[in-house]
PDB file of N, CA and C in Angstrom:
ATOM      1  N   MET A   1       0.737  -1.037   0.065  1.00  0.00           N
ATOM      2  CA  MET A   1       0.119   0.072  -0.153  1.00  0.00           C
ATOM      3  C   MET A   1       0.860   1.093   0.036  1.00  0.00           C
ATOM      4  N   ARG A   2       1.960   1.231   0.621  1.00  0.00           N
ATOM      5  CA  ARG A   2       2.720   2.426   0.915  1.00  0.00           C
ATOM      6  C   ARG A   2       3.512   2.714  -0.326  1.00  0.00           C
ATOM      7  N   TRP A   3       3.850   1.629  -1.299  1.00  0.00           N
ATOM      8  CA  TRP A   3       4.536   1.835  -2.228  1.00  0.00           C
ATOM      9  C   TRP A   3       3.451   2.604  -3.558  1.00  0.00           C
ATOM     10  N   ILE A   4       2.377   1.986  -3.562  1.00  0.00           N
ATOM     11  CA  ILE A   4       1.191   2.575  -4.091  1.00  0.00           C
ATOM     12  C   ILE A   4       1.161   3.876  -3.976  1.00  0.00           C
ATOM     13  N   LEU A   5       1.074   4.517  -2.906  1.00  0.00           N
ATOM     14  CA  LEU A   5       0.722   6.182  -2.437  1.00  0.00           C
ATOM     15  C   LEU A   5       2.163   6.740  -3.060  1.00  0.00           C
ATOM     16  N   LEU A   6       3.279   6.060  -2.698  1.00  0.00           N
ATOM     17  CA  LEU A   6       4.279   6.838  -3.318  1.00  0.00           C
ATOM     18  C   LEU A   6       4.158   7.025  -4.824  1.00  0.00           C
ATOM     19  N   VAL A   7       3.691   5.995  -5.657  1.00  0.00           N
ATOM     20  CA  VAL A   7       3.660   6.395  -7.303  1.00  0.00           C
ATOM     21  C   VAL A   7       2.583   6.852  -7.446  1.00  0.00           C
ATOM     22  N   VAL A   8       1.824   7.126  -6.581  1.00  0.00           N
ATOM     23  CA  VAL A   8       0.370   8.070  -6.854  1.00  0.00           C
ATOM     24  C   VAL A   8       0.866   9.673  -6.558  1.00  0.00           C
ATOM     25  N   ALA A   9       1.956   9.778  -5.533  1.00  0.00           N
ATOM     26  CA  ALA A   9       2.565  11.136  -5.334  1.00  0.00           C
ATOM     27  C   ALA A   9       3.320  11.447  -6.572  1.00  0.00           C
ATOM     28  N   ILE A  10       4.227  10.699  -7.142  1.00  0.00           N
ATOM     29  CA  ILE A  10       5.063  10.959  -7.879  1.00  0.00           C
ATOM     30  C   ILE A  10       4.476  11.403  -9.360  1.00  0.00           C
ATOM     31  N   VAL A  11       3.315  10.513  -9.444  1.00  0.00           N
ATOM     32  CA  VAL A  11       2.525  10.789 -10.981  1.00  0.00           C
ATOM     33  C   VAL A  11       1.537  11.926 -10.725  1.00  0.00           C
ATOM     34  N   ALA A  12       1.088  12.342  -9.743  1.00  0.00           N
ATOM     35  CA  ALA A  12       0.266  13.431  -9.181  1.00  0.00           C
ATOM     36  C   ALA A  12       1.255  14.846  -9.452  1.00  0.00           C
ATOM     37  N   PHE A  13       2.521  14.844  -8.820  1.00  0.00           N
ATOM     38  CA  PHE A  13       3.607  15.888  -8.988  1.00  0.00           C
ATOM     39  C   PHE A  13       4.068  15.956 -10.327  1.00  0.00           C
ATOM     40  N   ALA A  14       4.173  14.985 -11.179  1.00  0.00           N
ATOM     41  CA  ALA A  14       4.304  15.027 -12.683  1.00  0.00           C
ATOM     42  C   ALA A  14       3.338  15.656 -13.463  1.00  0.00           C
ATOM     43  N   VAL A  15       1.896  15.637 -13.221  1.00  0.00           N
ATOM     44  CA  VAL A  15       0.766  15.953 -13.548  1.00  0.00           C
ATOM     45  C   VAL A  15       0.811  17.294 -13.451  1.00  0.00           C
ATOM     46  N   ALA A  16       1.209  17.592 -12.129  1.00  0.00           N
ATOM     47  CA  ALA A  16       1.011  19.259 -11.426  1.00  0.00           C
ATOM     48  C   ALA A  16       2.122  20.274 -12.105  1.00  0.00           C
ATOM     49  N   PHE A  17       3.162  19.558 -12.660  1.00  0.00           N
ATOM     50  CA  PHE A  17       4.339  20.205 -13.383  1.00  0.00           C
ATOM     51  C   PHE A  17       4.311  20.371 -14.690  1.00  0.00           C
ATOM     52  N   THR A  18       3.420  19.446 -15.349  1.00  0.00           N
ATOM     53  CA  THR A  18       3.382  19.442 -16.963  1.00  0.00           C
ATOM     54  C   THR A  18       2.346  20.199 -17.345  1.00  0.00           C
ATOM     55  N   THR A  19       1.168  20.349 -16.421  1.00  0.00           N
ATOM     56  CA  THR A  19      -0.060  21.013 -16.914  1.00  0.00           C
ATOM     57  C   THR A  19      -0.338  22.307 -17.275  1.00  0.00           C
ATOM     58  N   GLY A  20      -0.934  22.802 -17.927  1.00  0.00           N
ATOM     59  CA  GLY A  20      -1.340  24.259 -17.929  1.00  0.00           C
ATOM     60  C   GLY A  20      -2.354  24.635 -17.311  1.00  0.00           C
ATOM     61  N   SER A  21      -3.008  23.991 -16.640  1.00  0.00           N
ATOM     62  CA  SER A  21      -4.447  24.486 -16.271  1.00  0.00           C
ATOM     63  C   SER A  21      -4.289  24.544 -14.728  1.00  0.00           C
ATOM     64  N   PRO A  22      -4.559  25.435 -14.215  1.00  0.00           N
ATOM     65  CA  PRO A  22      -4.758  25.902 -12.968  1.00  0.00           C
ATOM     66  C   PRO A  22      -5.375  24.593 -11.950  1.00  0.00           C
ATOM     67  N   GLY A  23      -6.378  24.354 -12.568  1.00  0.00           N
ATOM     68  CA  GLY A  23      -7.314  23.348 -11.485  1.00  0.00           C
ATOM     69  C   GLY A  23      -6.576  22.224 -11.450  1.00  0.00           C
ATOM     70  N   LEU A  24      -6.099  21.696 -12.712  1.00  0.00           N
ATOM     71  CA  LEU A  24      -5.382  20.392 -12.838  1.00  0.00           C
ATOM     72  C   LEU A  24      -4.331  20.373 -11.802  1.00  0.00           C
ATOM     73  N   MET A  25      -3.553  21.501 -11.773  1.00  0.00           N
ATOM     74  CA  MET A  25      -2.246  21.952 -11.227  1.00  0.00           C
ATOM     75  C   MET A  25      -2.488  21.648  -9.658  1.00  0.00           C
ATOM     76  N   GLY A  26      -3.764  22.357  -9.305  1.00  0.00           N
ATOM     77  CA  GLY A  26      -4.093  22.349  -7.935  1.00  0.00           C
ATOM     78  C   GLY A  26      -4.216  21.346  -7.212  1.00  0.00           C
ATOM     79  N   ILE A  27      -5.214  20.395  -8.082  1.00  0.00           N
ATOM     80  CA  ILE A  27      -5.520  18.543  -7.631  1.00  0.00           C
ATOM     81  C   ILE A  27      -4.177  17.836  -7.665  1.00  0.00           C
ATOM     82  N   GLY A  28      -3.188  18.076  -8.581  1.00  0.00           N
ATOM     83  CA  GLY A  28      -2.028  17.342  -8.602  1.00  0.00           C
ATOM     84  C   GLY A  28      -1.472  17.565  -7.208  1.00  0.00           C
ATOM     85  N   LEU A  29      -1.010  18.771  -7.190  1.00  0.00           N
ATOM     86  CA  LEU A  29      -0.304  19.197  -5.596  1.00  0.00           C
ATOM     87  C   LEU A  29      -1.018  18.747  -4.294  1.00  0.00           C
ATOM     88  N   VAL A  30      -2.388  18.692  -4.623  1.00  0.00           N
ATOM     89  CA  VAL A  30      -3.113  17.991  -3.240  1.00  0.00           C
ATOM     90  C   VAL A  30      -2.623  16.465  -3.269  1.00  0.00           C
ATOM     91  N   LEU A  31      -2.978  15.993  -4.315  1.00  0.00           N
ATOM     92  CA  LEU A  31      -2.761  14.334  -4.110  1.00  0.00           C
ATOM     93  C   LEU A  31      -1.315  14.170  -4.039  1.00  0.00           C
ATOM     94  N   GLY A  32      -0.241  14.876  -4.936  1.00  0.00           N
ATOM     95  CA  GLY A  32       0.737  14.585  -4.606  1.00  0.00           C
ATOM     96  C   GLY A  32       1.563  15.048  -2.818  1.00  0.00           C
ATOM     97  N   CYS A  33       0.835  16.042  -2.263  1.00  0.00           N
ATOM     98  CA  CYS A  33       1.372  16.141  -0.999  1.00  0.00           C
ATOM     99  C   CYS A  33       0.645  15.145  -0.059  1.00  0.00           C
ATOM    100  N   GLY A  34      -0.564  14.921  -0.301  1.00  0.00           N
ATOM    101  CA  GLY A  34      -1.258  13.640   0.479  1.00  0.00           C
ATOM    102  C   GLY A  34      -0.579  12.292   0.227  1.00  0.00           C
ATOM    103  N   GLY A  35      -0.068  12.068  -0.896  1.00  0.00           N
ATOM    104  CA  GLY A  35       0.674  10.732  -1.254  1.00  0.00           C
ATOM    105  C   GLY A  35       1.817  10.606  -0.360  1.00  0.00           C
ATOM    106  N   LEU A  36       2.476  11.598  -0.330  1.00  0.00           N
ATOM    107  CA  LEU A  36       3.837  11.573   0.471  1.00  0.00           C
ATOM    108  C   LEU A  36       3.612  11.613   1.932  1.00  0.00           C
ATOM    109  N   LEU A  37       2.335  12.228   2.298  1.00  0.00           N
ATOM    110  CA  LEU A  37       2.173  12.397   3.619  1.00  0.00           C
ATOM    111  C   LEU A  37       1.931  11.068   4.019  1.00  0.00           C
ATOM    112  N   GLY A  38       0.816  10.097   3.220  1.00  0.00           N
ATOM    113  CA  GLY A  38       0.363   8.855   3.630  1.00  0.00           C
ATOM    114  C   GLY A  38       1.548   8.099   3.609  1.00  0.00           C
ATOM    115  N   PHE A  39       2.646   7.882   2.698  1.00  0.00           N
ATOM    116  CA  PHE A  39       3.804   7.333   2.513  1.00  0.00           C
ATOM    117  C   PHE A  39       4.580   7.434   3.566  1.00  0.00           C
ATOM    118  N   ALA A  40       4.810   8.328   4.085  1.00  0.00           N
ATOM    119  CA  ALA A  40       5.631   8.794   5.214  1.00  0.00           C
ATOM    120  C   ALA A  40       4.884   8.123   6.465  1.00  0.00           C
ATOM    121  N   LEU A  41       3.516   8.189   6.675  1.00  0.00           N
ATOM    122  CA  LEU A  41       2.947   7.866   7.875  1.00  0.00           C
ATOM    123  C   LEU A  41       2.945   6.244   7.919  1.00  0.00           C
ATOM    124  N   SER A  42       2.889   5.552   6.796  1.00  0.00           N
ATOM    125  CA  SER A  42       3.003   4.252   6.568  1.00  0.00           C
ATOM    126  C   SER A  42       4.402   3.553   6.494  1.00  0.00           C
ATOM    127  N   LEU A  43       5.237   4.325   6.422  1.00  0.00           N
ATOM    128  CA  LEU A  43       6.830   3.995   6.927  1.00  0.00           C
ATOM    129  C   LEU A  43       6.772   3.826   8.234  1.00  0.00           C
ATOM    130  N   ALA A  44       6.466   5.011   8.893  1.00  0.00           N
ATOM    131  CA  ALA A  44       6.637   5.024  10.326  1.00  0.00           C
ATOM    132  C   ALA A  44       5.711   3.965  10.880  1.00  0.00           C
ATOM    133  N   ALA A  45       4.682   3.668  10.650  1.00  0.00           N
ATOM    134  CA  ALA A  45       3.636   2.632  11.041  1.00  0.00           C
ATOM    135  C   ALA A  45       4.438   1.431  10.994  1.00  0.00           C
ATOM    136  N   ALA A  46       5.258   0.956   9.766  1.00  0.00           N
ATOM    137  CA  ALA A  46       5.562  -0.184   9.854  1.00  0.00           C
ATOM    138  C   ALA A  46       6.875  -0.610  10.754  1.00  0.00           C
ATOM    139  N   ARG A  47       7.426   0.542  10.742  1.00  0.00           N
ATOM    140  CA  ARG A  47       8.678   0.851  11.690  1.00  0.00           C
ATOM    141  C   ARG A  47       8.566   0.418  13.006  1.00  0.00           C
ATOM    142  N   ILE A  48       7.311   0.929  13.528  1.00  0.00           N
ATOM    143  CA  ILE A  48       7.093   0.526  14.980  1.00  0.00           C
ATOM    144  C   ILE A  48       6.586  -0.645  14.999  1.00  0.00           C
ATOM    145  N   ALA A  49       5.489  -0.911  14.102  1.00  0.00           N
ATOM    146  CA  ALA A  49       5.045  -2.407  14.107  1.00  0.00           C
ATOM    147  C   ALA A  49       6.304  -3.192  14.274  1.00  0.00           C
ATOM    148  N   SER A  50       7.482  -3.342  13.361  1.00  0.00           N
ATOM    149  CA  SER A  50       8.585  -4.223  13.606  1.00  0.00           C
ATOM    150  C   SER A  50       9.465  -4.143  14.706  1.00  0.00           C
ATOM    151  N   THR A  51       9.194  -3.020  15.611  1.00  0.00           N
ATOM    152  CA  THR A  51       9.927  -3.136  16.775  1.00  0.00           C
ATOM    153  C   THR A  51       8.970  -3.262  18.038  1.00  0.00           C
ATOM    154  N   ALA A  52       7.725  -3.383  17.900  1.00  0.00           N
ATOM    155  CA  ALA A  52       7.034  -3.577  19.164  1.00  0.00           C
ATOM    156  C   ALA A  52       6.974  -4.948  19.730  1.00  0.00           C
ATOM    157  N   GLN A  53       6.783  -4.988  20.976  1.00  0.00           N
ATOM    158  CA  GLN A  53       6.587  -6.369  21.912  1.00  0.00           C
ATOM    159  C   GLN A  53       5.372  -7.078  21.521  1.00  0.00           C
ATOM    160  N   PRO A  54       5.418  -8.305  21.451  1.00  0.00           N
ATOM    161  CA  PRO A  54       4.171  -8.880  21.060  1.00  0.00           C
ATOM    162  C   PRO A  54       3.149  -8.956  22.489  1.00  0.00           C
ATOM    163  N   GLU A  55       2.066  -8.946  22.360  1.00  0.00           N
ATOM    164  CA  GLU A  55       1.352  -8.948  23.514  1.00  0.00           C
ATOM    165  C   GLU A  55       1.774 -10.114  24.750  1.00  0.00           C
ATOM    166  N   ALA A  56       1.956 -11.599  24.187  1.00  0.00           N
ATOM    167  CA  ALA A  56       2.520 -12.406  24.943  1.00  0.00           C
ATOM    168  C   ALA A  56       3.716 -11.977  25.427  1.00  0.00           C
ATOM    169  N   ALA A  57       4.314 -11.151  25.254  1.00  0.00           N
ATOM    170  CA  ALA A  57       5.694 -10.732  26.184  1.00  0.00           C
ATOM    171  C   ALA A  57       5.363  -9.997  27.116  1.00  0.00           C
ATOM    172  N   LEU A  58       4.097  -9.334  27.548  1.00  0.00           N
ATOM    173  CA  LEU A  58       3.930  -8.365  28.380  1.00  0.00           C
ATOM    174  C   LEU A  58       3.831  -9.006  29.857  1.00  0.00           C
ATOM    175  N   ILE A  59       4.254  -8.133  30.851  1.00  0.00           N
ATOM    176  CA  ILE A  59       4.594  -8.587  32.261  1.00  0.00           C
ATOM    177  C   ILE A  59       3.070  -8.999  32.972  1.00  0.00           C
ATOM    178  N   ILE A  60       3.138 -10.238  33.225  1.00  0.00           N
ATOM    179  CA  ILE A  60       1.707 -10.836  34.096  1.00  0.00           C
ATOM    180  C   ILE A  60       1.778 -10.525  35.293  1.00  0.00           C
ATOM    181  N   ASP A  61       0.633 -10.762  36.133  1.00  0.00           N
ATOM    182  CA  ASP A  61       0.506 -10.102  37.740  1.00  0.00           C
ATOM    183  C   ASP A  61       1.408 -10.743  38.708  1.00  0.00           C
ATOM    184  N   PRO A  62       1.661 -12.051  38.587  1.00  0.00           N
ATOM    185  CA  PRO A  62       2.669 -12.615  39.303  1.00  0.00           C
ATOM    186  C   PRO A  62       4.050 -11.734  39.287  1.00  0.00           C
ATOM    187  N   GLU A  63       4.311 -11.471  38.048  1.00  0.00           N
ATOM    188  CA  GLU A  63       5.581 -11.157  37.804  1.00  0.00           C
ATOM    189  C   GLU A  63       5.545  -9.373  38.673  1.00  0.00           C
ATOM    190  N   ILE A  64       4.533  -8.742  38.221  1.00  0.00           N
ATOM    191  CA  ILE A  64       4.328  -7.376  38.727  1.00  0.00           C
ATOM    192  C   ILE A  64       4.640  -7.539  40.259  1.00  0.00           C
ATOM    193  N   SER A  65       3.465  -8.533  40.943  1.00  0.00           N
ATOM    194  CA  SER A  65       4.030  -8.693  42.359  1.00  0.00           C
ATOM    195  C   SER A  65       5.194  -9.092  42.897  1.00  0.00           C
ATOM    196  N   ALA A  66       5.878  -9.878  42.316  1.00  0.00           N
ATOM    197  CA  ALA A  66       7.383  -9.967  42.500  1.00  0.00           C
ATOM    198  C   ALA A  66       8.434  -8.812  42.440  1.00  0.00           C
ATOM    199  N   LEU A  67       7.856  -7.959  41.313  1.00  0.00           N
ATOM    200  CA  LEU A  67       8.875  -6.845  41.528  1.00  0.00           C
ATOM    201  C   LEU A  67       8.345  -5.717  42.559  1.00  0.00           C
ATOM    202  N   ARG A  68       6.995  -5.862  42.924  1.00  0.00           N
ATOM    203  CA  ARG A  68       6.717  -4.646  43.780  1.00  0.00           C
ATOM    204  C   ARG A  68       7.607  -5.093  45.386  1.00  0.00           C
ATOM    205  N   ALA A  69       7.346  -6.497  45.532  1.00  0.00           N
ATOM    206  CA  ALA A  69       7.920  -6.647  46.860  1.00  0.00           C
ATOM    207  C   ALA A  69       9.576  -6.672  46.888  1.00  0.00           C
ATOM    208  N   LYS A  70      10.183  -6.731  45.679  1.00  0.00           N
ATOM    209  CA  LYS A  70      11.512  -6.553  45.582  1.00  0.00           C
ATOM    210  C   LYS A  70      11.806  -5.011  46.086  1.00  0.00           C
ATOM    211  N   ALA A  71      11.249  -4.290  45.464  1.00  0.00           N
ATOM    212  CA  ALA A  71      10.957  -2.879  45.738  1.00  0.00           C
ATOM    213  C   ALA A  71      11.107  -2.302  46.962  1.00  0.00           C
ATOM    214  N   ASN A  72       9.818  -3.064  47.512  1.00  0.00           N
ATOM    215  CA  ASN A  72       9.968  -2.607  48.779  1.00  0.00           C
ATOM    216  C   ASN A  72      10.811  -3.320  49.657  1.00  0.00           C
ATOM    217  N   LEU A  73      11.243  -4.318  49.693  1.00  0.00           N
ATOM    218  CA  LEU A  73      12.572  -4.784  50.342  1.00  0.00           C
ATOM    219  C   LEU A  73      13.930  -3.569  50.014  1.00  0.00           C
ATOM    220  N   ALA A  74      14.020  -3.232  48.980  1.00  0.00           N
ATOM    221  CA  ALA A  74      14.989  -2.318  48.719  1.00  0.00           C
ATOM    222  C   ALA A  74      14.629  -1.040  49.666  1.00  0.00           C
ATOM    223  N   LYS A  75      13.646  -0.772  49.343  1.00  0.00           N
ATOM    224  CA  LYS A  75      13.212   0.468  50.165  1.00  0.00           C
ATOM    225  C   LYS A  75      13.243   0.483  51.734  1.00  0.00           C
ATOM    226  N   ALA A  76      13.096  -0.827  52.138  1.00  0.00           N
ATOM    227  CA  ALA A  76      12.934  -1.062  53.651  1.00  0.00           C
ATOM    228  C   ALA A  76      14.872  -1.004  53.949  1.00  0.00           C
ATOM    229  N   GLY A  77      15.491  -1.505  53.075  1.00  0.00           N
ATOM    230  CA  GLY A  77      16.870  -1.848  53.239  1.00  0.00           C
ATOM    231  C   GLY A  77      17.384  -0.216  53.219  1.00  0.00           C
ATOM    232  N   ALA A  78      17.001   0.622  52.362  1.00  0.00           N
ATOM    233  CA  ALA A  78      17.675   1.822  52.190  1.00  0.00           C
ATOM    234  C   ALA A  78      17.348   2.816  53.337  1.00  0.00           C
ATOM    235  N   ALA A  79      16.090   2.795  54.086  1.00  0.00           N
ATOM    236  CA  ALA A  79      15.624   3.289  55.402  1.00  0.00           C
ATOM    237  C   ALA A  79      16.608   3.120  56.527  1.00  0.00           C
ATOM    238  N   THR A  80      17.074   1.792  56.492  1.00  0.00           N
ATOM    239  CA  THR A  80      17.987   1.293  57.647  1.00  0.00           C
ATOM    240  C   THR A  80      19.259   1.349  57.612  1.00  0.00           C
ATOM    241  N   SER A  81      19.947   1.832  56.500  1.00  0.00           N
ATOM    242  CA  SER A  81      21.014   2.059  56.231  1.00  0.00           C
ATOM    243  C   SER A  81      21.797   3.067  56.842  1.00  0.00           C
ATOM    244  N   PRO A  82      23.141   3.015  57.432  1.00  0.00           N
ATOM    245  CA  PRO A  82      23.756   4.276  58.408  1.00  0.00           C
ATOM    246  C   PRO A  82      23.594   5.518  57.583  1.00  0.00           C
ATOM    247  N   GLN A  83      23.771   6.833  58.271  1.00  0.00           N
ATOM    248  CA  GLN A  83      23.870   7.877  57.529  1.00  0.00           C
ATOM    249  C   GLN A  83      25.221   8.246  57.162  1.00  0.00           C
ATOM    250  N   PRO A  84      25.541   9.171  56.045  1.00  0.00           N
ATOM    251  CA  PRO A  84      26.944   9.264  55.820  1.00  0.00           C
ATOM    252  C   PRO A  84      27.288  10.363  56.924  1.00  0.00           C
ATOM    253  N   ILE A  85      28.970  10.323  56.756  1.00  0.00           N
ATOM    254  CA  ILE A  85      29.538  11.186  57.836  1.00  0.00           C
ATOM    255  C   ILE A  85      29.331  12.573  57.374  1.00  0.00           C
ATOM    256  N   THR A  86      29.234  13.605  58.332  1.00  0.00           N
ATOM    257  CA  THR A  86      29.027  14.975  57.760  1.00  0.00           C
ATOM    258  C   THR A  86      30.155  16.009  58.424  1.00  0.00           C
ATOM    259  N   ALA A  87      30.131  17.213  58.296  1.00  0.00           N
ATOM    260  CA  ALA A  87      31.292  18.109  58.856  1.00  0.00           C
ATOM    261  C   ALA A  87      30.809  18.211  60.548  1.00  0.00           C
ATOM    262  N   ALA A  88      29.504  18.226  60.527  1.00  0.00           N
ATOM    263  CA  ALA A  88      28.952  18.396  62.160  1.00  0.00           C
ATOM    264  C   ALA A  88      29.682  17.137  63.056  1.00  0.00           C
ATOM    265  N   ASP A  89      29.809  16.063  62.233  1.00  0.00           N
ATOM    266  CA  ASP A  89      30.336  14.965  63.177  1.00  0.00           C
ATOM    267  C   ASP A  89      31.838  14.760  63.455  1.00  0.00           C
ATOM    268  N   HIS A  90      32.507  15.715  62.990  1.00  0.00           N
ATOM    269  CA  HIS A  90      33.852  15.855  63.127  1.00  0.00           C
ATOM    270  C   HIS A  90      34.209  17.657  63.539  1.00  0.00           C
ATOM    271  N   GLY A  91      33.268  17.713  64.207  1.00  0.00           N
ATOM    272  CA  GLY A  91      33.532  19.058  64.945  1.00  0.00           C
ATOM    273  C   GLY A  91      33.910  20.133  63.870  1.00  0.00           C
ATOM    274  N   GLY A  92      33.131  20.068  62.906  1.00  0.00           N
ATOM    275  CA  GLY A  92      33.204  21.261  61.806  1.00  0.00           C
ATOM    276  C   GLY A  92      34.499  20.988  60.852  1.00  0.00           C
ATOM    277  N   HIS A  93      35.070  20.219  60.803  1.00  0.00           N
ATOM    278  CA  HIS A  93      36.594  19.963  60.395  1.00  0.00           C
ATOM    279  C   HIS A  93      36.577  18.311  59.530  1.00  0.00           C
ATOM    280  N   LEU A  94      36.470  18.626  58.366  1.00  0.00           N
ATOM    281  CA  LEU A  94      36.794  16.770  57.610  1.00  0.00           C
ATOM    282  C   LEU A  94      38.077  16.977  57.313  1.00  0.00           C
ATOM    283  N   ASP A  95      38.901  17.504  57.360  1.00  0.00           N
ATOM    284  CA  ASP A  95      40.481  17.595  57.164  1.00  0.00           C
ATOM    285  C   ASP A  95      41.122  17.926  58.130  1.00  0.00           C
ATOM    286  N   SER A  96      41.810  17.271  58.932  1.00  0.00           N
ATOM    287  CA  SER A  96      42.626  17.803  60.181  1.00  0.00           C
ATOM    288  C   SER A  96      43.848  18.524  59.770  1.00  0.00           C
ATOM    289  N   ASN A  97      44.681  18.165  58.611  1.00  0.00           N
ATOM    290  CA  ASN A  97      45.830  18.635  58.081  1.00  0.00           C
ATOM    291  C   ASN A  97      45.590  19.847  57.376  1.00  0.00           C
ATOM    292  N   ARG A  98      44.238  20.238  57.217  1.00  0.00           N
ATOM    293  CA  ARG A  98      44.036  21.878  56.784  1.00  0.00           C
ATOM    294  C   ARG A  98      44.224  22.904  57.499  1.00  0.00           C
ATOM    295  N   THR A  99      44.747  23.728  57.191  1.00  0.00           N
ATOM    296  CA  THR A  99      44.747  24.958  58.064  1.00  0.00           C
ATOM    297  C   THR A  99      43.570  26.185  57.793  1.00  0.00           C
ATOM    298  N   ALA A 100      43.471  26.841  58.876  1.00  0.00           N
ATOM    299  CA  ALA A 100      42.762  28.004  58.537  1.00  0.00           C
ATOM    300  C   ALA A 100      43.056  29.112  57.903  1.00  0.00           C
TER     301      ALA A 100
END
């Protein structure tokens, strides 16, 4: 179908550029632009369809539940981790060799 749209666009532009009639030129330009737009959209649709995942590969409910449990465990582990050392813990000085 996309190749038909390309051929229609080429023929329409050929008619538009070779005719002497303003009406035929307008129709040719409209059909040519429409054919090129349809060709570009059909190329994009084919590209998207070729890289899309099939429905069978979608995540199912047990896998979602397992991922949520794993995320909750990671969140709970991050909440109990020790706090990083700050300058206030060392009396305001991080580097004891540094002079003021």
